[in-house]
Amino acid sequence: MAVSYAKLWKLLIDKKISKADLRKATGFSSNTLTKMNKGEYVALPVLDKICKHLECDFGDIITHIPNVDGGNKVE
């Protein structure tokens, strides 16, 4: 996994917003929510809509997980 949305899930709990309510409010698909639940990448416009709705920044909802298996380093 290369990204974590754990910060987003915690923020939703803190604001008492369900994942389904967030999806409806921002208009992204249930497939996108499934990707996020699996820790997969989603498009930046989706993250932008989430940030606008929650009045936060990208760093408040997503964390990059460095590749720990040693493959594909960017130098």
Protein backbone atom coordinates (compact mmCIF):
# COMPACT_ATOMS: atom_id res chain seq x y z
CA MET A 1 0.00 0.00 0.00
CA ALA A 2 1.35 3.40 -0.93
CA VAL A 3 -1.24 5.69 0.65
CA SER A 4 -3.23 5.71 3.84
CA TYR A 5 -6.54 7.46 4.37
CA ALA A 6 -6.51 6.79 8.13
CA LYS A 7 -6.37 10.53 8.83
CA LEU A 8 -9.50 11.03 6.73
CA TRP A 9 -11.41 8.26 8.53
CA LYS A 10 -10.43 9.75 11.91
CA LEU A 11 -11.45 13.24 10.77
CA LEU A 12 -14.83 11.91 9.67
CA ILE A 13 -15.33 10.30 13.09
CA ASP A 14 -14.35 13.54 14.84
CA LYS A 15 -16.82 15.51 12.70
CA LYS A 16 -19.50 12.81 13.02
CA ILE A 17 -19.75 12.38 9.24
CA SER A 18 -20.26 8.94 7.71
CA LYS A 19 -18.33 7.80 4.65
CA ALA A 20 -21.62 7.55 2.76
CA ASP A 21 -22.54 11.14 3.70
CA LEU A 22 -19.13 12.36 2.55
CA ARG A 23 -19.53 10.51 -0.75
CA LYS A 24 -22.96 12.04 -1.34
CA ALA A 25 -21.83 15.55 -0.36
CA THR A 26 -18.81 15.50 -2.64
CA GLY A 27 -20.32 13.52 -5.50
CA PHE A 28 -17.65 10.88 -5.97
CA SER A 29 -18.60 7.31 -6.84
CA SER A 30 -18.92 4.31 -4.57
CA ASN A 31 -16.05 2.76 -6.56
CA THR A 32 -13.84 5.63 -5.45
CA LEU A 33 -14.81 5.03 -1.83
CA THR A 34 -13.96 1.35 -2.28
CA LYS A 35 -10.52 2.31 -3.62
CA MET A 36 -9.96 4.55 -0.63
CA ASN A 37 -11.00 1.79 1.78
CA LYS A 38 -8.37 -0.44 0.13
CA GLY A 39 -5.68 2.26 0.39
CA GLU A 40 -5.48 2.73 -3.37
CA TYR A 41 -4.79 5.96 -5.22
CA VAL A 42 -7.69 8.20 -6.20
CA ALA A 43 -7.70 11.25 -8.48
CA LEU A 44 -6.60 14.59 -7.07
CA PRO A 45 -9.93 16.28 -7.92
CA VAL A 46 -11.63 13.82 -5.55
CA LEU A 47 -9.20 14.71 -2.76
CA ASP A 48 -9.71 18.39 -3.57
CA LYS A 49 -13.51 18.06 -3.21
CA ILE A 50 -13.07 16.25 0.11
CA CYS A 51 -10.72 18.96 1.40
CA LYS A 52 -13.10 21.71 0.34
CA HIS A 53 -16.03 19.98 2.03
CA LEU A 54 -14.12 19.29 5.26
CA GLU A 55 -12.23 22.63 5.14
CA CYS A 56 -8.83 20.97 5.43
CA ASP A 57 -5.63 20.30 3.47
CA PHE A 58 -4.39 17.18 1.66
CA GLY A 59 -2.03 16.40 4.54
CA ASP A 60 -5.00 16.28 6.90
CA ILE A 61 -6.62 13.37 5.01
CA ILE A 62 -3.89 11.33 3.32
CA THR A 63 -0.46 9.95 4.22
CA HIS A 64 2.13 8.65 1.78
CA ILE A 65 3.57 5.29 2.79
CA PRO A 66 7.12 4.93 1.44
CA ASN A 67 7.90 1.74 -0.46
CA VAL A 68 9.48 -0.49 2.19
CA ASP A 69 10.34 -3.41 -0.11
CA GLY A 70 13.20 -1.51 -1.74
CA GLY A 71 11.69 -1.26 -5.21
CA ASN A 72 11.41 1.71 -7.55
CA LYS A 73 13.19 4.43 -5.62
CA VAL A 74 13.04 7.92 -7.06
CA GLU A 75 16.38 9.70 -6.86
